[in-house]
Amino acid sequence: MAKANAETCSRCGEPVGGFGGAKNSGDPGSADGPALGLQGQMKELEAVAKRNIRNSRLLLGICGAIVLALLLTGWQVYSSQVLSYAVLEDVTIEQDPVAQNRVNVAFNVVTPGRVAFDRRSDGSRTEKLDEFSTPGPVKLSWTWPSKEAIDFRVVFRGGLLRAAEQKMLAVGDVSNAVDVVFSHGFNTQHDTVHRRSETELH
């Protein structure tokens, strides 16, 4: 019978690792094999997690840049189409009692900016865009030849949104009138930033 601490088996002559011991043959399936395999898998999972974090941060940065660009574009459009217009109060549009083809416009400039005057008659449209640089009351009159009703409107800013004052005017036969704009009143400091142009309406 072999001793418990014998280095070789007395029957077969093979080496033994002690009583109840197991020989380490270097096989991955031995005692150290599973431990090394788990460590490799954990390192691989850590590398994947780090890579996913980097990709998520990159994607978040790209999305943030896109949102910022959209916000800047929207602000530029809003500033150009809305904030550039003057804030007006007490806007009135009246037809001259003597000359039916003359429109008298009056308003008070609260915040300087652009004001658009738009009229449609006889199948054509004319727009006049003025820049008012100082606050104060303004009076304008616009005369032009027309045989049909006149759709006249003043476009300005009311707070944070664009607003318009509109009025339909009926006229008689005034085909010999001249198309001209007069400015009078207390505030006459304004610059026309767009030339009047007539376009046929379809």
C-alpha atoms as a PDB file:
ATOM      1  CA  MET A   1       0.000   0.000   0.000  1.00  0.00           C
ATOM      2  CA  ALA A   2       1.423   3.420  -0.999  1.00  0.00           C
ATOM      3  CA  LYS A   3       2.181   6.023   1.611  1.00  0.00           C
ATOM      4  CA  ALA A   4       0.206   9.240   1.652  1.00  0.00           C
ATOM      5  CA  ASN A   5       3.312  11.335   1.066  1.00  0.00           C
ATOM      6  CA  ALA A   6       4.950   9.122  -1.522  1.00  0.00           C
ATOM      7  CA  GLU A   7       6.227  10.890  -4.657  1.00  0.00           C
ATOM      8  CA  THR A   8       5.499   7.866  -6.893  1.00  0.00           C
ATOM      9  CA  CYS A   9       2.852   5.234  -6.921  1.00  0.00           C
ATOM     10  CA  SER A  10       4.138   1.889  -5.642  1.00  0.00           C
ATOM     11  CA  ARG A  11       1.953   0.031  -8.123  1.00  0.00           C
ATOM     12  CA  CYS A  12       2.274   1.986 -11.409  1.00  0.00           C
ATOM     13  CA  GLY A  13       5.346   4.116 -10.717  1.00  0.00           C
ATOM     14  CA  GLU A  14       3.607   7.395 -11.794  1.00  0.00           C
ATOM     15  CA  PRO A  15       4.288  10.571  -9.773  1.00  0.00           C
ATOM     16  CA  VAL A  16       1.514  11.776  -7.483  1.00  0.00           C
ATOM     17  CA  GLY A  17       0.925  15.239  -5.931  1.00  0.00           C
ATOM     18  CA  GLY A  18       0.165  14.092  -2.468  1.00  0.00           C
ATOM     19  CA  PHE A  19      -2.863  12.607  -0.879  1.00  0.00           C
ATOM     20  CA  GLY A  20      -5.944  13.627  -2.882  1.00  0.00           C
ATOM     21  CA  GLY A  21      -3.804  15.971  -5.038  1.00  0.00           C
ATOM     22  CA  ALA A  22      -4.175  16.621  -8.750  1.00  0.00           C
ATOM     23  CA  LYS A  23      -1.375  16.897 -11.274  1.00  0.00           C
ATOM     24  CA  ASN A  24      -1.025  20.261 -13.078  1.00  0.00           C
ATOM     25  CA  SER A  25      -0.397  19.328 -16.669  1.00  0.00           C
ATOM     26  CA  GLY A  26      -0.605  22.932 -18.047  1.00  0.00           C
ATOM     27  CA  ASP A  27      -3.855  22.138 -19.887  1.00  0.00           C
ATOM     28  CA  PRO A  28      -6.305  25.126 -20.160  1.00  0.00           C
ATOM     29  CA  GLY A  29      -8.855  22.824 -18.613  1.00  0.00           C
ATOM     30  CA  SER A  30      -6.748  22.469 -15.487  1.00  0.00           C
ATOM     31  CA  ALA A  31      -7.333  24.468 -12.262  1.00  0.00           C
ATOM     32  CA  ASP A  32      -5.664  27.673 -13.521  1.00  0.00           C
ATOM     33  CA  GLY A  33      -7.326  27.555 -16.989  1.00  0.00           C
ATOM     34  CA  PRO A  34     -10.863  28.779 -16.072  1.00  0.00           C
ATOM     35  CA  ALA A  35      -9.435  31.657 -13.985  1.00  0.00           C
ATOM     36  CA  LEU A  36      -7.337  32.923 -16.871  1.00  0.00           C
ATOM     37  CA  GLY A  37     -10.312  32.626 -19.248  1.00  0.00           C
ATOM     38  CA  LEU A  38     -12.565  34.712 -16.974  1.00  0.00           C
ATOM     39  CA  GLN A  39      -9.925  37.430 -16.657  1.00  0.00           C
ATOM     40  CA  GLY A  40      -9.670  37.672 -20.457  1.00  0.00           C
ATOM     41  CA  GLN A  41     -13.423  37.928 -20.851  1.00  0.00           C
ATOM     42  CA  MET A  42     -13.634  40.631 -18.181  1.00  0.00           C
ATOM     43  CA  LYS A  43     -10.914  42.692 -19.894  1.00  0.00           C
ATOM     44  CA  GLU A  44     -12.710  42.323 -23.209  1.00  0.00           C
ATOM     45  CA  LEU A  45     -16.001  43.465 -21.654  1.00  0.00           C
ATOM     46  CA  GLU A  46     -14.260  46.462 -20.072  1.00  0.00           C
ATOM     47  CA  ALA A  47     -12.769  47.431 -23.437  1.00  0.00           C
ATOM     48  CA  VAL A  48     -16.193  47.173 -25.126  1.00  0.00           C
ATOM     49  CA  ALA A  49     -17.795  49.275 -22.376  1.00  0.00           C
ATOM     50  CA  LYS A  50     -15.121  52.002 -22.752  1.00  0.00           C
ATOM     51  CA  ARG A  51     -15.562  51.977 -26.519  1.00  0.00           C
ATOM     52  CA  ASN A  52     -19.331  52.329 -26.153  1.00  0.00           C
ATOM     53  CA  ILE A  53     -18.882  55.258 -23.764  1.00  0.00           C
ATOM     54  CA  ARG A  54     -16.573  57.015 -26.226  1.00  0.00           C
ATOM     55  CA  ASN A  55     -19.030  56.445 -29.094  1.00  0.00           C
ATOM     56  CA  SER A  56     -21.930  57.716 -26.967  1.00  0.00           C
ATOM     57  CA  ARG A  57     -20.031  60.880 -26.070  1.00  0.00           C
ATOM     58  CA  LEU A  58     -19.128  61.449 -29.713  1.00  0.00           C
ATOM     59  CA  LEU A  59     -22.747  60.976 -30.804  1.00  0.00           C
ATOM     60  CA  LEU A  60     -23.944  63.300 -28.045  1.00  0.00           C
ATOM     61  CA  GLY A  61     -21.472  65.962 -29.163  1.00  0.00           C
ATOM     62  CA  ILE A  62     -22.616  65.684 -32.792  1.00  0.00           C
ATOM     63  CA  CYS A  63     -26.294  65.952 -31.768  1.00  0.00           C
ATOM     64  CA  GLY A  64     -25.503  68.969 -29.595  1.00  0.00           C
ATOM     65  CA  ALA A  65     -23.695  70.690 -32.466  1.00  0.00           C
ATOM     66  CA  ILE A  66     -26.655  70.049 -34.808  1.00  0.00           C
ATOM     67  CA  VAL A  67     -29.150  71.414 -32.268  1.00  0.00           C
ATOM     68  CA  LEU A  68     -26.983  74.499 -31.685  1.00  0.00           C
ATOM     69  CA  ALA A  69     -26.711  75.128 -35.432  1.00  0.00           C
ATOM     70  CA  LEU A  70     -30.488  74.830 -35.813  1.00  0.00           C
ATOM     71  CA  LEU A  71     -31.050  77.233 -32.925  1.00  0.00           C
ATOM     72  CA  LEU A  72     -28.640  79.774 -34.401  1.00  0.00           C
ATOM     73  CA  THR A  73     -30.275  79.492 -37.822  1.00  0.00           C
ATOM     74  CA  GLY A  74     -33.726  79.893 -36.299  1.00  0.00           C
ATOM     75  CA  TRP A  75     -32.603  82.930 -34.329  1.00  0.00           C
ATOM     76  CA  GLN A  76     -31.136  84.567 -37.433  1.00  0.00           C
ATOM     77  CA  VAL A  77     -34.363  83.997 -39.366  1.00  0.00           C
ATOM     78  CA  TYR A  78     -36.473  85.272 -36.465  1.00  0.00           C
ATOM     79  CA  SER A  79     -34.241  88.331 -36.046  1.00  0.00           C
ATOM     80  CA  SER A  80     -34.415  89.126 -39.761  1.00  0.00           C
ATOM     81  CA  GLN A  81     -38.111  88.460 -40.271  1.00  0.00           C
ATOM     82  CA  VAL A  82     -39.515  89.730 -36.955  1.00  0.00           C
ATOM     83  CA  LEU A  83     -37.105  91.590 -34.668  1.00  0.00           C
ATOM     84  CA  SER A  84     -35.884  93.866 -37.466  1.00  0.00           C
ATOM     85  CA  TYR A  85     -39.369  95.429 -37.723  1.00  0.00           C
ATOM     86  CA  ALA A  86     -40.338  98.504 -35.720  1.00  0.00           C
ATOM     87  CA  VAL A  87     -42.773  98.335 -32.827  1.00  0.00           C
ATOM     88  CA  LEU A  88     -45.695 100.650 -33.610  1.00  0.00           C
ATOM     89  CA  GLU A  89     -48.697 101.982 -31.727  1.00  0.00           C
ATOM     90  CA  ASP A  90     -51.844 103.824 -32.785  1.00  0.00           C
ATOM     91  CA  VAL A  91     -51.681 102.708 -36.416  1.00  0.00           C
ATOM     92  CA  THR A  92     -54.422 104.263 -38.555  1.00  0.00           C
ATOM     93  CA  ILE A  93     -55.196 103.892 -42.277  1.00  0.00           C
ATOM     94  CA  GLU A  94     -57.615 106.418 -43.745  1.00  0.00           C
ATOM     95  CA  GLN A  95     -58.793 107.306 -47.222  1.00  0.00           C
ATOM     96  CA  ASP A  96     -58.455 110.943 -48.170  1.00  0.00           C
ATOM     97  CA  PRO A  97     -61.985 112.433 -48.322  1.00  0.00           C
ATOM     98  CA  VAL A  98     -61.080 114.580 -51.349  1.00  0.00           C
ATOM     99  CA  ALA A  99     -58.742 112.298 -53.347  1.00  0.00           C
ATOM    100  CA  GLN A 100     -60.062 108.747 -53.166  1.00  0.00           C
ATOM    101  CA  ASN A 101     -56.801 107.300 -54.495  1.00  0.00           C
ATOM    102  CA  ARG A 102     -54.800 108.776 -51.616  1.00  0.00           C
ATOM    103  CA  VAL A 103     -54.225 106.782 -48.432  1.00  0.00           C
ATOM    104  CA  ASN A 104     -53.222 108.597 -45.251  1.00  0.00           C
ATOM    105  CA  VAL A 105     -51.260 106.544 -42.727  1.00  0.00           C
ATOM    106  CA  ALA A 106     -50.323 107.578 -39.191  1.00  0.00           C
ATOM    107  CA  PHE A 107     -48.580 105.719 -36.373  1.00  0.00           C
ATOM    108  CA  ASN A 108     -46.252 106.172 -33.429  1.00  0.00           C
ATOM    109  CA  VAL A 109     -42.805 104.516 -33.550  1.00  0.00           C
ATOM    110  CA  VAL A 110     -42.076 102.961 -30.154  1.00  0.00           C
ATOM    111  CA  THR A 111     -39.011 100.907 -31.128  1.00  0.00           C
ATOM    112  CA  PRO A 112     -37.118 101.899 -34.311  1.00  0.00           C
ATOM    113  CA  GLY A 113     -36.919  99.426 -37.166  1.00  0.00           C
ATOM    114  CA  ARG A 114     -38.489  98.521 -40.503  1.00  0.00           C
ATOM    115  CA  VAL A 115     -42.079  99.150 -41.551  1.00  0.00           C
ATOM    116  CA  ALA A 116     -43.587  97.666 -44.727  1.00  0.00           C
ATOM    117  CA  PHE A 117     -46.389  99.341 -46.670  1.00  0.00           C
ATOM    118  CA  ASP A 118     -48.177  96.947 -49.005  1.00  0.00           C
ATOM    119  CA  ARG A 119     -50.958  97.810 -51.458  1.00  0.00           C
ATOM    120  CA  ARG A 120     -52.768  95.753 -54.078  1.00  0.00           C
ATOM    121  CA  SER A 121     -55.020  97.171 -56.760  1.00  0.00           C
ATOM    122  CA  ASP A 122     -55.731  96.810 -60.482  1.00  0.00           C
ATOM    123  CA  GLY A 123     -54.102  93.374 -60.555  1.00  0.00           C
ATOM    124  CA  SER A 124     -50.724  94.618 -59.294  1.00  0.00           C
ATOM    125  CA  ARG A 125     -48.927  94.751 -55.981  1.00  0.00           C
ATOM    126  CA  THR A 126     -46.500  97.380 -54.707  1.00  0.00           C
ATOM    127  CA  GLU A 127     -44.502  97.154 -51.483  1.00  0.00           C
ATOM    128  CA  LYS A 128     -42.556  99.972 -49.859  1.00  0.00           C
ATOM    129  CA  LEU A 129     -40.163  99.075 -47.049  1.00  0.00           C
ATOM    130  CA  ASP A 130     -38.910 101.928 -44.861  1.00  0.00           C
ATOM    131  CA  GLU A 131     -36.419 102.061 -42.005  1.00  0.00           C
ATOM    132  CA  PHE A 132     -37.342 104.379 -39.118  1.00  0.00           C
ATOM    133  CA  SER A 133     -34.332 105.250 -36.970  1.00  0.00           C
ATOM    134  CA  THR A 134     -35.952 107.359 -34.230  1.00  0.00           C
ATOM    135  CA  PRO A 135     -39.073 106.965 -32.061  1.00  0.00           C
ATOM    136  CA  GLY A 136     -41.982 109.348 -32.452  1.00  0.00           C
ATOM    137  CA  PRO A 137     -45.136 110.033 -34.457  1.00  0.00           C
ATOM    138  CA  VAL A 138     -45.141 109.559 -38.243  1.00  0.00           C
ATOM    139  CA  LYS A 139     -47.637 110.574 -40.935  1.00  0.00           C
ATOM    140  CA  LEU A 140     -47.512 109.364 -44.532  1.00  0.00           C
ATOM    141  CA  SER A 141     -49.754 109.658 -47.549  1.00  0.00           C
ATOM    142  CA  TRP A 142     -49.567 107.454 -50.656  1.00  0.00           C
ATOM    143  CA  THR A 143     -51.264 108.360 -53.930  1.00  0.00           C
ATOM    144  CA  TRP A 144     -51.422 106.224 -57.081  1.00  0.00           C
ATOM    145  CA  PRO A 145     -53.757 105.651 -60.064  1.00  0.00           C
ATOM    146  CA  SER A 146     -56.384 103.001 -59.477  1.00  0.00           C
ATOM    147  CA  LYS A 147     -59.837 102.134 -60.786  1.00  0.00           C
ATOM    148  CA  GLU A 148     -60.484  99.226 -58.441  1.00  0.00           C
ATOM    149  CA  ALA A 149     -60.652  98.722 -54.700  1.00  0.00           C
ATOM    150  CA  ILE A 150     -57.356  99.071 -52.841  1.00  0.00           C
ATOM    151  CA  ASP A 151     -56.107  96.489 -50.352  1.00  0.00           C
ATOM    152  CA  PHE A 152     -53.690  98.432 -48.141  1.00  0.00           C
ATOM    153  CA  ARG A 153     -51.774  97.159 -45.134  1.00  0.00           C
ATOM    154  CA  VAL A 154     -49.021  98.281 -42.780  1.00  0.00           C
ATOM    155  CA  VAL A 155     -46.697  95.524 -41.495  1.00  0.00           C
ATOM    156  CA  PHE A 156     -44.819  96.090 -38.229  1.00  0.00           C
ATOM    157  CA  ARG A 157     -43.929  94.291 -34.995  1.00  0.00           C
ATOM    158  CA  GLY A 158     -46.248  93.897 -32.068  1.00  0.00           C
ATOM    159  CA  GLY A 159     -44.071  92.686 -29.193  1.00  0.00           C
ATOM    160  CA  LEU A 160     -42.407  89.397 -30.167  1.00  0.00           C
ATOM    161  CA  LEU A 161     -44.491  88.750 -33.295  1.00  0.00           C
ATOM    162  CA  ARG A 162     -45.137  90.513 -36.572  1.00  0.00           C
ATOM    163  CA  ALA A 163     -48.450  92.312 -36.894  1.00  0.00           C
ATOM    164  CA  ALA A 164     -50.347  94.101 -39.644  1.00  0.00           C
ATOM    165  CA  GLU A 165     -53.037  96.742 -39.935  1.00  0.00           C
ATOM    166  CA  GLN A 166     -55.183  96.239 -43.047  1.00  0.00           C
ATOM    167  CA  LYS A 167     -57.952  98.185 -44.735  1.00  0.00           C
ATOM    168  CA  MET A 168     -59.934  97.822 -47.974  1.00  0.00           C
ATOM    169  CA  LEU A 169     -60.614 101.100 -49.771  1.00  0.00           C
ATOM    170  CA  ALA A 170     -63.101 101.686 -52.605  1.00  0.00           C
ATOM    171  CA  VAL A 171     -62.136 104.241 -55.265  1.00  0.00           C
ATOM    172  CA  GLY A 172     -63.625 105.736 -58.399  1.00  0.00           C
ATOM    173  CA  ASP A 173     -62.021 106.561 -61.732  1.00  0.00           C
ATOM    174  CA  VAL A 174     -58.724 108.280 -60.863  1.00  0.00           C
ATOM    175  CA  SER A 175     -56.540 106.924 -63.647  1.00  0.00           C
ATOM    176  CA  ASN A 176     -54.810 110.282 -64.197  1.00  0.00           C
ATOM    177  CA  ALA A 177     -53.281 110.318 -60.691  1.00  0.00           C
ATOM    178  CA  VAL A 178     -49.523 110.047 -60.124  1.00  0.00           C
ATOM    179  CA  ASP A 179     -47.949 107.275 -58.026  1.00  0.00           C
ATOM    180  CA  VAL A 180     -46.126 109.149 -55.253  1.00  0.00           C
ATOM    181  CA  VAL A 181     -45.500 108.887 -51.502  1.00  0.00           C
ATOM    182  CA  PHE A 182     -45.472 111.929 -49.225  1.00  0.00           C
ATOM    183  CA  SER A 183     -43.985 111.998 -45.729  1.00  0.00           C
ATOM    184  CA  HIS A 184     -44.941 114.639 -43.220  1.00  0.00           C
ATOM    185  CA  GLY A 185     -45.452 115.061 -39.503  1.00  0.00           C
ATOM    186  CA  PHE A 186     -43.060 115.088 -36.555  1.00  0.00           C
ATOM    187  CA  ASN A 187     -40.885 112.126 -37.460  1.00  0.00           C
ATOM    188  CA  THR A 188     -39.547 112.307 -40.988  1.00  0.00           C
ATOM    189  CA  GLN A 189     -36.176 110.600 -40.366  1.00  0.00           C
ATOM    190  CA  HIS A 190     -36.542 107.350 -42.245  1.00  0.00           C
ATOM    191  CA  ASP A 191     -34.739 105.668 -45.074  1.00  0.00           C
ATOM    192  CA  THR A 192     -36.253 103.577 -47.830  1.00  0.00           C
ATOM    193  CA  VAL A 193     -34.319 100.320 -47.921  1.00  0.00           C
ATOM    194  CA  HIS A 194     -36.270  98.769 -50.806  1.00  0.00           C
ATOM    195  CA  ARG A 195     -37.400 100.452 -53.994  1.00  0.00           C
ATOM    196  CA  ARG A 196     -41.061 100.141 -54.836  1.00  0.00           C
ATOM    197  CA  SER A 197     -41.690  97.570 -57.513  1.00  0.00           C
ATOM    198  CA  GLU A 198     -44.924  96.511 -59.174  1.00  0.00           C
ATOM    199  CA  THR A 199     -45.607  92.879 -59.972  1.00  0.00           C
ATOM    200  CA  GLU A 200     -48.596  91.369 -61.706  1.00  0.00           C
ATOM    201  CA  LEU A 201     -50.758  89.212 -59.472  1.00  0.00           C
ATOM    202  CA  HIS A 202     -51.735  85.800 -60.775  1.00  0.00           C
END
